Every structure is written in structure tokens, then in C-alpha cells.
Amino acid sequence: GIKLVQWDAQSNVESLLPEDDEVEQQSIATFCLSPNGKEIVVATTRFSLAHYHIDTRECQRVIKAHRMPILSMDFDHTSTLVATGSADRSVKVWDILKGYCTHSFTNHTDIVKVVRFHPDPDKLALFSSSDDNSICMFDLRTSSCIAQFRDHVSLPSSLTFTHDGSILVSSGRDKVCSIERSLSLPLCLFFDVSVDFAPMITCLPFLLLWFATMACSLVW
């Protein structure tokens, strides 16, 4: 199940779902919390999405979302859209407040492991990575894949952005960190990291600022 911890009193641990809740009886695959802190969407191992209000603990709806397990989720910055990536190789976007699918993309040829919205909500852009070793960029306005990056030779396991959203940084099991201009096609920079496994990238401001400066100097 999903547990809520009150950070100012860590002994106060509450269950989000009542014991008799249908979703509570299922295994949880993953979940995502809305930026406004009011909504949580839970993906179950039965391939469904369950949408809850945190304050009331009430389930608003359950949506049959995919044909295979949901592996990754992300809320957009308006707390309205939820992206899901699945083992069925598809990427979907949901209007979670109204309970319907707004977009469905099938550009990947293997399971989708990561989905991330662009941090600027005005861009309406979504990124995903897959076991086919590619990163796709989707324009939600045109409902199309407008770019596909293939700088990795294994799964790009982590995606993050600089604060202004201009640079996309990815890392993968191939020990490569790749830096791209997130809203245009040309590659800016990629390099081999000197560790046995490329860990999840943390948003260290000074490091990303240096990366962004180097990348932009190459483009300019």
C-alpha cells in the first residue's frame, strides 16, 4: 500500500488507502504526486491508474490504462496531466482530473522505462526513454514525436533538465552522460563517465550550469 509520513512528526505514519479499498488489495507498481501536493495517482500491477485526493483520501476514479505493467509516471507542472510509460511499449498522457487519455504514442520498439514532462508547461513537451536505447521527444500540441535521440547503446535510465528547461541531461547503463538541447534536434555534448555504473543524475546546480555553458558554447 501507500503510506503517508508527516515530516514534522515522523512517528505519524498513515495509510493513504483504507484496508477495504480495492486498490489496497493489489500490489503497487509505481505512483506519482502532483506538484500542488493535493493529488496522488497510483499504478497497480493490474495495469490500472487510481486517482486519489490526498486530503480526503477518496478515490476519484480508476482507469484501465495499459495492457502490460506501468513502469514510470510523471505529473506535469499544472497538476492536470499524467504521463505513463509501460512494458507494452507505449507512452500515454492522461487528463487525470477528467479521467481520459489525451495522447497515445507507440514510437518505441521496447519497454518504456522513463517518462518526463518538460519543466516549462507552455512547451507541452514530453520525453521518454526505452530499452530500445532511444529517447523520444513528443509535442503534445501536434500529437507527434518530433525528435528521437540515439546517443546511448543501452537503456537511458535517467532524464533531467536544467532549471530553464533548455538542456536535457540523460545517463545510462552504457556509462554515458548525454547533454542535448531539449527543444531542438542537434546534440550538444556527450561523454563517457568513469564509473562502473552511471547512477541517477542529481540536479547539482553548479554541475548542470557548467554543462549548459559548455554545451551552448559548442552550439554558438
Protein backbone atom coordinates (compact mmCIF):
# COMPACT_ATOMS: atom_id res chain seq x y z
CA GLY A 1 0.00 0.00 0.00
CA ILE A 2 0.88 3.71 0.04
CA LYS A 3 1.95 5.27 3.35
CA LEU A 4 1.95 8.98 4.20
CA VAL A 5 4.58 10.30 6.59
CA GLN A 6 4.14 13.64 8.34
CA TRP A 7 7.68 15.01 8.24
CA ASP A 8 7.34 17.30 11.24
CA ALA A 9 6.33 14.26 13.31
CA GLN A 10 7.89 11.24 11.68
CA SER A 11 6.20 8.81 14.01
CA ASN A 12 2.90 9.78 12.42
CA VAL A 13 2.62 7.30 9.56
CA GLU A 14 -0.78 6.90 7.94
CA SER A 15 -2.07 4.67 5.19
CA LEU A 16 -3.39 6.56 2.19
CA LEU A 17 -5.85 3.81 1.34
CA PRO A 18 -8.38 2.20 3.67
CA GLU A 19 -7.87 -1.52 4.27
CA ASP A 20 -11.02 -2.43 2.35
CA ASP A 21 -10.03 -0.30 -0.67
CA GLU A 22 -9.85 -2.36 -3.88
CA VAL A 23 -6.50 -0.83 -4.86
CA GLU A 24 -5.06 -1.51 -1.39
CA GLN A 25 -5.59 -5.23 -2.05
CA GLN A 26 -3.37 -5.04 -5.15
CA SER A 27 0.38 -4.65 -5.50
CA ILE A 28 1.55 -1.11 -6.31
CA ALA A 29 3.82 -0.79 -9.35
CA THR A 30 4.62 2.93 -9.04
CA PHE A 31 2.98 6.25 -8.19
CA CYS A 32 3.38 10.00 -8.70
CA LEU A 33 2.49 13.01 -6.57
CA SER A 34 1.11 16.19 -8.11
CA PRO A 35 3.24 19.37 -7.88
CA ASN A 36 0.46 21.08 -5.91
CA GLY A 37 0.61 18.30 -3.31
CA LYS A 38 -3.11 17.59 -3.50
CA GLU A 39 -3.34 14.58 -5.80
CA ILE A 40 -1.67 11.19 -5.99
CA VAL A 41 -2.00 8.70 -8.83
CA VAL A 42 -1.19 5.06 -8.15
CA ALA A 43 -0.37 2.46 -10.81
CA THR A 44 -1.29 -1.10 -9.88
CA THR A 45 0.12 -4.36 -11.15
CA ARG A 46 -3.24 -4.88 -12.86
CA PHE A 47 -2.25 -2.09 -15.26
CA SER A 48 -4.70 0.46 -13.87
CA LEU A 49 -4.38 4.02 -12.56
CA ALA A 50 -6.14 5.04 -9.36
CA HIS A 51 -6.54 8.77 -8.69
CA TYR A 52 -6.84 9.97 -5.08
CA HIS A 53 -7.28 13.32 -3.32
CA ILE A 54 -4.73 13.31 -0.51
CA ASP A 55 -6.77 15.44 1.91
CA THR A 56 -9.98 13.42 1.67
CA ARG A 57 -8.30 10.04 0.87
CA GLU A 58 -11.13 9.48 -1.60
CA CYS A 59 -10.61 7.61 -4.85
CA GLN A 60 -11.86 9.80 -7.68
CA ARG A 61 -11.57 7.19 -10.41
CA VAL A 62 -9.81 4.03 -11.54
CA ILE A 63 -8.67 3.89 -15.17
CA LYS A 64 -7.65 0.81 -17.13
CA ALA A 65 -4.52 2.37 -18.62
CA HIS A 66 -2.27 -0.19 -20.34
CA ARG A 67 -2.11 -3.80 -21.49
CA MET A 68 1.09 -4.52 -19.52
CA PRO A 69 2.73 -3.15 -16.34
CA ILE A 70 3.17 0.60 -15.92
CA LEU A 71 6.85 1.29 -15.22
CA SER A 72 7.06 5.08 -14.99
CA MET A 73 4.81 8.06 -14.33
CA ASP A 74 5.11 11.83 -14.20
CA PHE A 75 2.78 14.75 -13.42
CA ASP A 76 3.01 17.90 -15.50
CA HIS A 77 3.56 21.22 -13.71
CA THR A 78 -0.13 22.17 -13.85
CA SER A 79 -1.09 19.03 -11.86
CA THR A 80 -3.56 18.20 -14.64
CA LEU A 81 -1.76 15.76 -16.96
CA VAL A 82 -0.13 12.45 -16.04
CA ALA A 83 2.23 10.62 -18.40
CA THR A 84 2.69 6.85 -18.18
CA GLY A 85 5.28 4.56 -19.74
CA SER A 86 4.60 0.85 -19.96
CA ALA A 87 6.04 -2.55 -20.75
CA ASP A 88 3.55 -2.61 -23.64
CA ARG A 89 5.99 -0.14 -25.37
CA SER A 90 3.53 2.74 -25.32
CA VAL A 91 3.61 6.22 -23.81
CA LYS A 92 0.27 7.72 -22.82
CA VAL A 93 -0.88 11.06 -21.43
CA TRP A 94 -3.97 11.33 -19.25
CA ASP A 95 -6.16 14.24 -18.21
CA ILE A 96 -6.32 12.88 -14.70
CA LEU A 97 -8.96 15.35 -13.49
CA LYS A 98 -11.41 14.28 -16.20
CA GLY A 99 -10.26 10.67 -16.47
CA TYR A 100 -9.46 10.17 -20.15
CA CYS A 101 -6.44 9.59 -22.39
CA THR A 102 -5.37 12.66 -24.36
CA HIS A 103 -2.39 11.15 -26.24
CA SER A 104 -1.02 7.70 -27.05
CA PHE A 105 2.41 7.20 -28.65
CA THR A 106 3.89 3.94 -29.96
CA ASN A 107 7.26 5.14 -31.29
CA HIS A 108 9.38 2.93 -29.03
CA THR A 109 10.14 -0.66 -30.02
CA ASP A 110 10.82 -1.92 -26.48
CA ILE A 111 9.52 -1.34 -22.96
CA VAL A 112 9.34 2.28 -21.77
CA LYS A 113 11.23 2.88 -18.52
CA VAL A 114 11.20 6.69 -18.01
CA VAL A 115 8.74 9.50 -18.83
CA ARG A 116 9.38 13.18 -18.01
CA PHE A 117 7.44 16.34 -18.83
CA HIS A 118 9.42 19.37 -19.95
CA PRO A 119 9.57 21.77 -16.97
CA ASP A 120 8.04 24.65 -18.96
CA PRO A 121 4.28 23.95 -19.12
CA ASP A 122 3.91 26.29 -22.10
CA LYS A 123 6.07 23.99 -24.22
CA LEU A 124 3.70 20.99 -23.86
CA ALA A 125 6.60 18.60 -24.45
CA LEU A 126 7.13 15.11 -23.09
CA PHE A 127 10.28 12.95 -23.10
CA SER A 128 10.60 9.18 -22.69
CA SER A 129 13.36 6.59 -22.68
CA SER A 130 13.17 2.92 -23.51
CA ASP A 131 15.03 -0.36 -23.57
CA ASP A 132 15.38 0.25 -27.32
CA ASN A 133 18.15 2.68 -26.16
CA SER A 134 16.41 5.78 -27.51
CA ILE A 135 14.95 8.97 -26.06
CA CYS A 136 11.81 10.32 -27.72
CA MET A 137 10.55 13.89 -27.61
CA PHE A 138 6.81 14.36 -28.11
CA ASP A 139 4.97 17.57 -28.99
CA LEU A 140 1.57 17.36 -27.30
CA ARG A 141 0.18 20.15 -29.47
CA THR A 142 0.66 18.15 -32.66
CA SER A 143 0.42 14.71 -31.02
CA SER A 144 3.63 13.65 -32.72
CA CYS A 145 7.17 12.51 -31.99
CA ILE A 146 9.36 15.36 -33.21
CA ALA A 147 12.78 14.00 -32.25
CA GLN A 148 14.44 10.73 -31.32
CA PHE A 149 17.89 10.73 -29.73
CA ARG A 150 20.08 7.63 -30.07
CA ASP A 151 23.26 8.61 -28.22
CA HIS A 152 23.09 5.64 -25.84
CA VAL A 153 23.87 1.99 -26.55
CA SER A 154 21.84 0.75 -23.57
CA LEU A 155 18.84 1.97 -21.60
CA PRO A 156 18.91 5.72 -20.80
CA SER A 157 17.94 5.15 -17.18
CA SER A 158 17.70 8.78 -16.03
CA LEU A 159 16.44 12.04 -17.56
CA THR A 160 16.59 15.52 -16.03
CA PHE A 161 16.57 19.16 -17.15
CA THR A 162 18.35 22.38 -16.30
CA HIS A 163 16.15 24.84 -14.41
CA ASP A 164 15.27 26.84 -17.54
CA GLY A 165 14.48 23.63 -19.45
CA SER A 166 16.90 24.40 -22.28
CA ILE A 167 19.18 21.41 -21.66
CA LEU A 168 18.24 17.74 -21.30
CA VAL A 169 20.74 15.51 -19.48
CA SER A 170 20.50 11.72 -19.68
CA SER A 171 22.58 8.91 -18.21
CA GLY A 172 22.52 5.23 -18.95
CA ARG A 173 23.87 1.78 -18.22
CA ASP A 174 26.40 2.33 -21.01
CA LYS A 175 28.31 4.71 -18.65
CA VAL A 176 27.43 7.68 -20.89
CA CYS A 177 26.03 11.06 -19.89
CA SER A 178 24.46 12.88 -22.81
CA ILE A 179 23.58 16.58 -22.92
CA GLU A 180 21.13 17.80 -25.54
CA ARG A 181 19.26 20.96 -26.34
CA SER A 182 15.86 19.81 -25.16
CA LEU A 183 13.76 21.73 -27.70
CA SER A 184 15.85 21.29 -30.85
CA LEU A 185 17.49 18.41 -32.66
CA PRO A 186 21.28 18.96 -32.56
CA LEU A 187 23.32 17.11 -30.00
CA CYS A 188 25.35 19.41 -27.77
CA LEU A 189 27.66 17.13 -25.84
CA PHE A 190 28.06 13.59 -24.64
CA PHE A 191 30.81 11.87 -22.72
CA ASP A 192 31.79 8.59 -21.09
CA VAL A 193 31.68 8.64 -17.29
CA SER A 194 34.49 6.92 -15.41
CA VAL A 195 32.40 4.71 -13.14
CA ASP A 196 31.17 1.14 -13.49
CA PHE A 197 27.53 2.23 -13.50
CA ALA A 198 26.04 5.61 -14.33
CA PRO A 199 23.91 6.46 -11.26
CA MET A 200 20.76 8.51 -11.21
CA ILE A 201 21.64 12.11 -12.06
CA THR A 202 21.04 14.58 -9.25
CA CYS A 203 20.33 18.18 -10.08
CA LEU A 204 23.51 19.72 -8.78
CA PRO A 205 23.13 23.33 -9.91
CA PHE A 206 26.81 24.14 -10.36
CA LEU A 207 27.44 20.98 -12.38
CA LEU A 208 24.50 21.47 -14.72
CA LEU A 209 25.36 25.15 -15.12
CA TRP A 210 28.86 24.16 -16.24
CA PHE A 211 27.41 21.53 -18.60
CA ALA A 212 24.96 24.04 -20.05
CA THR A 213 27.68 26.64 -20.58
CA MET A 214 29.93 24.16 -22.35
CA ALA A 215 27.09 22.83 -24.47
CA CYS A 216 25.89 26.25 -25.55
CA SER A 217 29.43 27.34 -26.40
CA LEU A 218 29.65 24.39 -28.79
CA VAL A 219 26.37 25.33 -30.46
CA TRP A 220 27.16 29.05 -30.71
